[in-house]
Amino acid sequence: MFKRPTYNMLNTLFRRSWRTAPQSQASLIRHCRREYIIDFKKEPFQARPGRRPIECDTPLEAVECIRSNSRVFVHGMCATPELLIHALCEHAQANDLRNIEMVHLLTTGTAPQVLKYKKHFTDTSLFVSDNVRNAVDEGYADYVPIFLSEIPLLFIKEDYVMDAALIQVSPPDRSGYCSLGVSVDIARAAIAGSNQVIGLINRHMP
């Protein structure tokens, strides 16, 4: 039966390889210098010390923690949490929030943050999808050209902090774990680098 590696197991393997494989040691150092390793304390499959999930009755209640000048990651592809996006737009309008940066890959839906609610948001696309293309062309939404493989490195930089991540997940299993389902891509790194994770539970998410 496969046993999930723990931090102590991995640390032991690291020390063993350090003593017995000097060539691998040099390779590992170069690997670490590129910052591909994410702190275990923020791994999505690890519980965050001192934090417990809060259940909300409405999408609007879930996004009330977001304030002006926040940077918010939005889950993409078929996992785009449209209910949370629309709730955030309503929250921003009701409280006159400004300069909320929404960072995303390809998203589906109407993207109201670049339409009716654009004065409250700065939209940053890492992949220009159809729903934000006109906004990028007209200059009131941004596009950041970046390799897909480099995006996780951006999300874990200390000077590029995600204040919140809006994601869509499966219902929790009997152990309390949710799945990112059909769209993991950059979402895993975004969750690891976010101060708040706001999840929309979808019973149809595998």
C-alpha atoms as a PDB file:
ATOM      1  CA  MET A   1       0.000   0.000   0.000  1.00  0.00           C
ATOM      2  CA  PHE A   2       1.353   3.414  -0.952  1.00  0.00           C
ATOM      3  CA  LYS A   3       2.177   5.656   1.986  1.00  0.00           C
ATOM      4  CA  ARG A   4       2.037   9.413   1.497  1.00  0.00           C
ATOM      5  CA  PRO A   5       5.478  10.908   2.244  1.00  0.00           C
ATOM      6  CA  THR A   6       5.625  13.089   5.313  1.00  0.00           C
ATOM      7  CA  TYR A   7       7.946  16.009   5.928  1.00  0.00           C
ATOM      8  CA  ASN A   8      10.222  13.839   8.111  1.00  0.00           C
ATOM      9  CA  MET A   9      10.424  11.145   5.428  1.00  0.00           C
ATOM     10  CA  LEU A  10      11.348  13.688   2.768  1.00  0.00           C
ATOM     11  CA  ASN A  11      13.869  15.347   5.053  1.00  0.00           C
ATOM     12  CA  THR A  12      15.500  11.962   5.684  1.00  0.00           C
ATOM     13  CA  LEU A  13      15.687  11.264   1.945  1.00  0.00           C
ATOM     14  CA  PHE A  14      17.181  14.701   1.400  1.00  0.00           C
ATOM     15  CA  ARG A  15      19.920  14.137   4.013  1.00  0.00           C
ATOM     16  CA  ARG A  16      20.633  10.652   2.636  1.00  0.00           C
ATOM     17  CA  SER A  17      21.041  11.934  -0.924  1.00  0.00           C
ATOM     18  CA  TRP A  18      23.197  14.793   0.383  1.00  0.00           C
ATOM     19  CA  ARG A  19      25.687  12.318   1.926  1.00  0.00           C
ATOM     20  CA  THR A  20      25.785   9.713  -0.828  1.00  0.00           C
ATOM     21  CA  ALA A  21      25.245  11.499  -4.139  1.00  0.00           C
ATOM     22  CA  PRO A  22      27.425  14.616  -4.601  1.00  0.00           C
ATOM     23  CA  GLN A  23      26.458  14.962  -8.275  1.00  0.00           C
ATOM     24  CA  SER A  24      22.764  14.861  -7.403  1.00  0.00           C
ATOM     25  CA  GLN A  25      23.529  17.353  -4.636  1.00  0.00           C
ATOM     26  CA  ALA A  26      24.689  19.982  -7.118  1.00  0.00           C
ATOM     27  CA  SER A  27      21.614  19.387  -9.255  1.00  0.00           C
ATOM     28  CA  LEU A  28      19.343  19.748  -6.214  1.00  0.00           C
ATOM     29  CA  ILE A  29      20.976  23.057  -5.279  1.00  0.00           C
ATOM     30  CA  ARG A  30      20.349  24.449  -8.759  1.00  0.00           C
ATOM     31  CA  HIS A  31      16.768  23.209  -8.533  1.00  0.00           C
ATOM     32  CA  CYS A  32      16.263  25.019  -5.208  1.00  0.00           C
ATOM     33  CA  ARG A  33      17.767  28.226  -6.532  1.00  0.00           C
ATOM     34  CA  ARG A  34      15.023  28.382  -9.150  1.00  0.00           C
ATOM     35  CA  GLU A  35      12.525  28.426  -6.264  1.00  0.00           C
ATOM     36  CA  TYR A  36      10.376  25.530  -7.471  1.00  0.00           C
ATOM     37  CA  ILE A  37       9.959  24.247  -3.918  1.00  0.00           C
ATOM     38  CA  ILE A  38       6.891  25.554  -2.096  1.00  0.00           C
ATOM     39  CA  ASP A  39       6.885  25.839   1.691  1.00  0.00           C
ATOM     40  CA  PHE A  40       5.177  22.787   3.217  1.00  0.00           C
ATOM     41  CA  LYS A  41       3.139  25.050   5.496  1.00  0.00           C
ATOM     42  CA  LYS A  42       1.257  26.371   2.450  1.00  0.00           C
ATOM     43  CA  GLU A  43       0.864  23.197   0.443  1.00  0.00           C
ATOM     44  CA  PRO A  44      -2.826  22.840  -0.539  1.00  0.00           C
ATOM     45  CA  PHE A  45      -2.948  19.300   0.891  1.00  0.00           C
ATOM     46  CA  GLN A  46      -1.657  20.478   4.276  1.00  0.00           C
ATOM     47  CA  ALA A  47      -3.876  22.046   6.916  1.00  0.00           C
ATOM     48  CA  ARG A  48      -2.857  25.609   7.774  1.00  0.00           C
ATOM     49  CA  PRO A  49      -1.950  25.866  11.479  1.00  0.00           C
ATOM     50  CA  GLY A  50      -4.508  27.793  13.492  1.00  0.00           C
ATOM     51  CA  ARG A  51      -6.925  28.093  10.562  1.00  0.00           C
ATOM     52  CA  ARG A  52     -10.297  26.412  10.144  1.00  0.00           C
ATOM     53  CA  PRO A  53     -12.664  26.698   7.164  1.00  0.00           C
ATOM     54  CA  ILE A  54     -15.637  29.021   7.533  1.00  0.00           C
ATOM     55  CA  GLU A  55     -18.910  28.022   5.892  1.00  0.00           C
ATOM     56  CA  CYS A  56     -20.870  30.848   4.278  1.00  0.00           C
ATOM     57  CA  ASP A  57     -24.539  30.857   3.340  1.00  0.00           C
ATOM     58  CA  THR A  58     -24.187  33.114   0.279  1.00  0.00           C
ATOM     59  CA  PRO A  59     -21.443  33.975  -2.254  1.00  0.00           C
ATOM     60  CA  LEU A  60     -21.648  37.620  -1.162  1.00  0.00           C
ATOM     61  CA  GLU A  61     -20.860  36.661   2.421  1.00  0.00           C
ATOM     62  CA  ALA A  62     -17.869  34.647   1.217  1.00  0.00           C
ATOM     63  CA  VAL A  63     -16.196  37.597  -0.535  1.00  0.00           C
ATOM     64  CA  GLU A  64     -16.780  40.227   2.161  1.00  0.00           C
ATOM     65  CA  CYS A  65     -13.186  39.847   3.349  1.00  0.00           C
ATOM     66  CA  ILE A  66     -11.864  41.409   0.117  1.00  0.00           C
ATOM     67  CA  ARG A  67     -10.959  45.098   0.319  1.00  0.00           C
ATOM     68  CA  SER A  68      -9.690  47.833  -1.992  1.00  0.00           C
ATOM     69  CA  ASN A  69      -6.174  47.371  -3.416  1.00  0.00           C
ATOM     70  CA  SER A  70      -6.397  43.586  -3.101  1.00  0.00           C
ATOM     71  CA  ARG A  71      -4.921  41.117  -5.573  1.00  0.00           C
ATOM     72  CA  VAL A  72      -7.309  38.236  -6.248  1.00  0.00           C
ATOM     73  CA  PHE A  73      -6.633  35.050  -8.196  1.00  0.00           C
ATOM     74  CA  VAL A  74      -9.546  33.630 -10.199  1.00  0.00           C
ATOM     75  CA  HIS A  75      -9.727  29.923 -10.999  1.00  0.00           C
ATOM     76  CA  GLY A  76      -9.927  29.388 -14.753  1.00  0.00           C
ATOM     77  CA  MET A  77     -11.097  27.140 -17.554  1.00  0.00           C
ATOM     78  CA  CYS A  78     -14.247  25.143 -16.739  1.00  0.00           C
ATOM     79  CA  ALA A  79     -13.666  25.774 -13.039  1.00  0.00           C
ATOM     80  CA  THR A  80     -14.274  29.537 -13.288  1.00  0.00           C
ATOM     81  CA  PRO A  81     -16.322  30.400 -10.147  1.00  0.00           C
ATOM     82  CA  GLU A  82     -18.807  32.744 -11.803  1.00  0.00           C
ATOM     83  CA  LEU A  83     -21.015  33.026  -8.717  1.00  0.00           C
ATOM     84  CA  LEU A  84     -18.063  34.311  -6.698  1.00  0.00           C
ATOM     85  CA  ILE A  85     -16.987  36.722  -9.448  1.00  0.00           C
ATOM     86  CA  HIS A  86     -20.457  38.265  -9.664  1.00  0.00           C
ATOM     87  CA  ALA A  87     -20.677  38.412  -5.866  1.00  0.00           C
ATOM     88  CA  LEU A  88     -17.320  40.204  -5.708  1.00  0.00           C
ATOM     89  CA  CYS A  89     -18.517  42.710  -8.306  1.00  0.00           C
ATOM     90  CA  GLU A  90     -21.637  43.439  -6.266  1.00  0.00           C
ATOM     91  CA  HIS A  91     -19.538  43.721  -3.102  1.00  0.00           C
ATOM     92  CA  ALA A  92     -17.156  46.165  -4.809  1.00  0.00           C
ATOM     93  CA  GLN A  93     -19.997  48.314  -6.111  1.00  0.00           C
ATOM     94  CA  ALA A  94     -21.914  48.379  -2.819  1.00  0.00           C
ATOM     95  CA  ASN A  95     -18.824  49.408  -0.843  1.00  0.00           C
ATOM     96  CA  ASP A  96     -17.178  51.536  -3.560  1.00  0.00           C
ATOM     97  CA  LEU A  97     -14.032  49.410  -3.526  1.00  0.00           C
ATOM     98  CA  ARG A  98     -11.272  50.380  -5.939  1.00  0.00           C
ATOM     99  CA  ASN A  99      -8.210  48.901  -7.574  1.00  0.00           C
ATOM    100  CA  ILE A 100      -8.993  45.232  -6.986  1.00  0.00           C
ATOM    101  CA  GLU A 101      -6.647  43.331  -9.268  1.00  0.00           C
ATOM    102  CA  MET A 102      -8.083  40.106 -10.659  1.00  0.00           C
ATOM    103  CA  VAL A 103      -5.397  37.724 -11.948  1.00  0.00           C
ATOM    104  CA  HIS A 104      -6.334  34.757 -14.094  1.00  0.00           C
ATOM    105  CA  LEU A 105      -5.515  32.432 -16.917  1.00  0.00           C
ATOM    106  CA  LEU A 106      -8.295  31.626 -19.392  1.00  0.00           C
ATOM    107  CA  THR A 107     -11.745  32.118 -17.847  1.00  0.00           C
ATOM    108  CA  THR A 108     -15.260  31.392 -19.028  1.00  0.00           C
ATOM    109  CA  GLY A 109     -18.400  33.475 -18.562  1.00  0.00           C
ATOM    110  CA  THR A 110     -19.124  37.149 -19.071  1.00  0.00           C
ATOM    111  CA  ALA A 111     -16.210  38.655 -17.071  1.00  0.00           C
ATOM    112  CA  PRO A 112     -18.303  41.473 -15.524  1.00  0.00           C
ATOM    113  CA  GLN A 113     -15.163  43.008 -13.976  1.00  0.00           C
ATOM    114  CA  VAL A 114     -14.214  44.411 -17.406  1.00  0.00           C
ATOM    115  CA  LEU A 115     -17.740  45.524 -18.295  1.00  0.00           C
ATOM    116  CA  LYS A 116     -20.264  47.065 -15.903  1.00  0.00           C
ATOM    117  CA  TYR A 117     -17.926  47.026 -12.889  1.00  0.00           C
ATOM    118  CA  LYS A 118     -14.641  47.979 -14.571  1.00  0.00           C
ATOM    119  CA  LYS A 119     -14.103  51.131 -12.465  1.00  0.00           C
ATOM    120  CA  HIS A 120     -13.644  48.926  -9.414  1.00  0.00           C
ATOM    121  CA  PHE A 121     -11.183  46.450 -10.932  1.00  0.00           C
ATOM    122  CA  THR A 122      -7.869  46.024 -12.672  1.00  0.00           C
ATOM    123  CA  ASP A 123      -7.974  42.886 -14.781  1.00  0.00           C
ATOM    124  CA  THR A 124      -4.692  41.040 -15.393  1.00  0.00           C
ATOM    125  CA  SER A 125      -4.759  38.206 -17.913  1.00  0.00           C
ATOM    126  CA  LEU A 126      -1.968  35.674 -18.109  1.00  0.00           C
ATOM    127  CA  PHE A 127      -3.781  34.259 -21.153  1.00  0.00           C
ATOM    128  CA  VAL A 128      -6.126  36.457 -23.139  1.00  0.00           C
ATOM    129  CA  SER A 129      -9.480  34.735 -23.458  1.00  0.00           C
ATOM    130  CA  ASP A 130     -12.417  35.846 -25.571  1.00  0.00           C
ATOM    131  CA  ASN A 131     -14.319  37.438 -22.679  1.00  0.00           C
ATOM    132  CA  VAL A 132     -11.536  39.978 -21.933  1.00  0.00           C
ATOM    133  CA  ARG A 133      -9.956  40.421 -25.383  1.00  0.00           C
ATOM    134  CA  ASN A 134     -11.783  43.663 -26.191  1.00  0.00           C
ATOM    135  CA  ALA A 135     -10.872  45.119 -22.799  1.00  0.00           C
ATOM    136  CA  VAL A 136      -7.189  44.335 -23.403  1.00  0.00           C
ATOM    137  CA  ASP A 137      -7.367  45.796 -26.927  1.00  0.00           C
ATOM    138  CA  GLU A 138      -8.961  48.995 -25.619  1.00  0.00           C
ATOM    139  CA  GLY A 139      -6.403  49.396 -22.840  1.00  0.00           C
ATOM    140  CA  TYR A 140      -8.470  49.002 -19.672  1.00  0.00           C
ATOM    141  CA  ALA A 141      -7.334  45.447 -18.954  1.00  0.00           C
ATOM    142  CA  ASP A 142      -3.765  44.147 -18.820  1.00  0.00           C
ATOM    143  CA  TYR A 143      -2.013  41.195 -20.389  1.00  0.00           C
ATOM    144  CA  VAL A 144       1.184  39.735 -18.928  1.00  0.00           C
ATOM    145  CA  PRO A 145       3.156  37.601 -21.407  1.00  0.00           C
ATOM    146  CA  ILE A 146       4.628  34.723 -19.402  1.00  0.00           C
ATOM    147  CA  PHE A 147       5.409  31.044 -19.932  1.00  0.00           C
ATOM    148  CA  LEU A 148       2.846  28.763 -18.307  1.00  0.00           C
ATOM    149  CA  SER A 149       5.639  26.909 -16.500  1.00  0.00           C
ATOM    150  CA  GLU A 150       6.875  30.156 -14.920  1.00  0.00           C
ATOM    151  CA  ILE A 151       3.534  31.279 -13.455  1.00  0.00           C
ATOM    152  CA  PRO A 152       3.845  29.196 -10.243  1.00  0.00           C
ATOM    153  CA  LEU A 153       7.187  30.923  -9.569  1.00  0.00           C
ATOM    154  CA  LEU A 154       5.463  34.301  -9.854  1.00  0.00           C
ATOM    155  CA  PHE A 155       2.765  33.319  -7.370  1.00  0.00           C
ATOM    156  CA  ILE A 156       5.185  32.327  -4.605  1.00  0.00           C
ATOM    157  CA  LYS A 157       7.360  35.438  -4.776  1.00  0.00           C
ATOM    158  CA  GLU A 158       7.311  37.488  -1.568  1.00  0.00           C
ATOM    159  CA  ASP A 159       6.697  40.719  -3.482  1.00  0.00           C
ATOM    160  CA  TYR A 160       3.737  39.310  -5.435  1.00  0.00           C
ATOM    161  CA  VAL A 161       1.227  38.462  -2.732  1.00  0.00           C
ATOM    162  CA  MET A 162      -2.222  37.082  -3.498  1.00  0.00           C
ATOM    163  CA  ASP A 163      -4.672  38.453  -0.968  1.00  0.00           C
ATOM    164  CA  ALA A 164      -7.337  35.944  -1.965  1.00  0.00           C
ATOM    165  CA  ALA A 165      -8.030  33.105  -4.368  1.00  0.00           C
ATOM    166  CA  LEU A 166     -11.493  32.444  -5.789  1.00  0.00           C
ATOM    167  CA  ILE A 167     -11.696  28.765  -6.713  1.00  0.00           C
ATOM    168  CA  GLN A 168     -14.264  26.068  -7.465  1.00  0.00           C
ATOM    169  CA  VAL A 169     -13.888  22.683  -5.807  1.00  0.00           C
ATOM    170  CA  SER A 170     -15.577  19.348  -5.297  1.00  0.00           C
ATOM    171  CA  PRO A 171     -17.506  18.639  -2.070  1.00  0.00           C
ATOM    172  CA  PRO A 172     -15.152  17.487   0.697  1.00  0.00           C
ATOM    173  CA  ASP A 173     -14.658  13.749   1.085  1.00  0.00           C
ATOM    174  CA  ARG A 174     -14.969  11.942   4.423  1.00  0.00           C
ATOM    175  CA  SER A 175     -11.472  13.131   5.372  1.00  0.00           C
ATOM    176  CA  GLY A 176     -12.302  16.752   4.546  1.00  0.00           C
ATOM    177  CA  TYR A 177     -10.301  16.991   1.308  1.00  0.00           C
ATOM    178  CA  CYS A 178     -11.645  18.828  -1.756  1.00  0.00           C
ATOM    179  CA  SER A 179     -10.481  18.431  -5.354  1.00  0.00           C
ATOM    180  CA  LEU A 180      -9.646  21.174  -7.848  1.00  0.00           C
ATOM    181  CA  GLY A 181     -11.283  18.869 -10.367  1.00  0.00           C
ATOM    182  CA  VAL A 182     -10.982  19.797 -14.037  1.00  0.00           C
ATOM    183  CA  SER A 183      -8.555  22.696 -13.619  1.00  0.00           C
ATOM    184  CA  VAL A 184      -5.455  22.348 -11.453  1.00  0.00           C
ATOM    185  CA  ASP A 185      -2.894  24.065 -13.767  1.00  0.00           C
ATOM    186  CA  ILE A 186      -1.769  27.241 -11.926  1.00  0.00           C
ATOM    187  CA  ALA A 187      -4.481  27.083  -9.252  1.00  0.00           C
ATOM    188  CA  ARG A 188      -2.392  24.925  -6.919  1.00  0.00           C
ATOM    189  CA  ALA A 189       0.396  27.518  -6.804  1.00  0.00           C
ATOM    190  CA  ALA A 190      -2.123  30.354  -6.424  1.00  0.00           C
ATOM    191  CA  ILE A 191      -3.689  28.655  -3.409  1.00  0.00           C
ATOM    192  CA  ALA A 192      -0.267  28.096  -1.875  1.00  0.00           C
ATOM    193  CA  GLY A 193       0.544  31.789  -2.269  1.00  0.00           C
ATOM    194  CA  SER A 194      -2.809  33.246  -1.140  1.00  0.00           C
ATOM    195  CA  ASN A 195      -3.648  34.673   2.256  1.00  0.00           C
ATOM    196  CA  GLN A 196      -7.328  33.754   1.878  1.00  0.00           C
ATOM    197  CA  VAL A 197      -8.814  30.885  -0.136  1.00  0.00           C
ATOM    198  CA  ILE A 198     -12.490  31.192  -1.013  1.00  0.00           C
ATOM    199  CA  GLY A 199     -13.920  28.007  -2.480  1.00  0.00           C
ATOM    200  CA  LEU A 200     -17.226  27.501  -4.264  1.00  0.00           C
ATOM    201  CA  ILE A 201     -18.330  23.894  -3.671  1.00  0.00           C
ATOM    202  CA  ASN A 202     -19.826  22.304  -6.771  1.00  0.00           C
ATOM    203  CA  ARG A 203     -21.277  18.804  -6.427  1.00  0.00           C
ATOM    204  CA  HIS A 204     -20.666  18.249 -10.174  1.00  0.00           C
ATOM    205  CA  MET A 205     -16.928  18.831  -9.851  1.00  0.00           C
ATOM    206  CA  PRO A 206     -15.076  15.490 -10.095  1.00  0.00           C
END
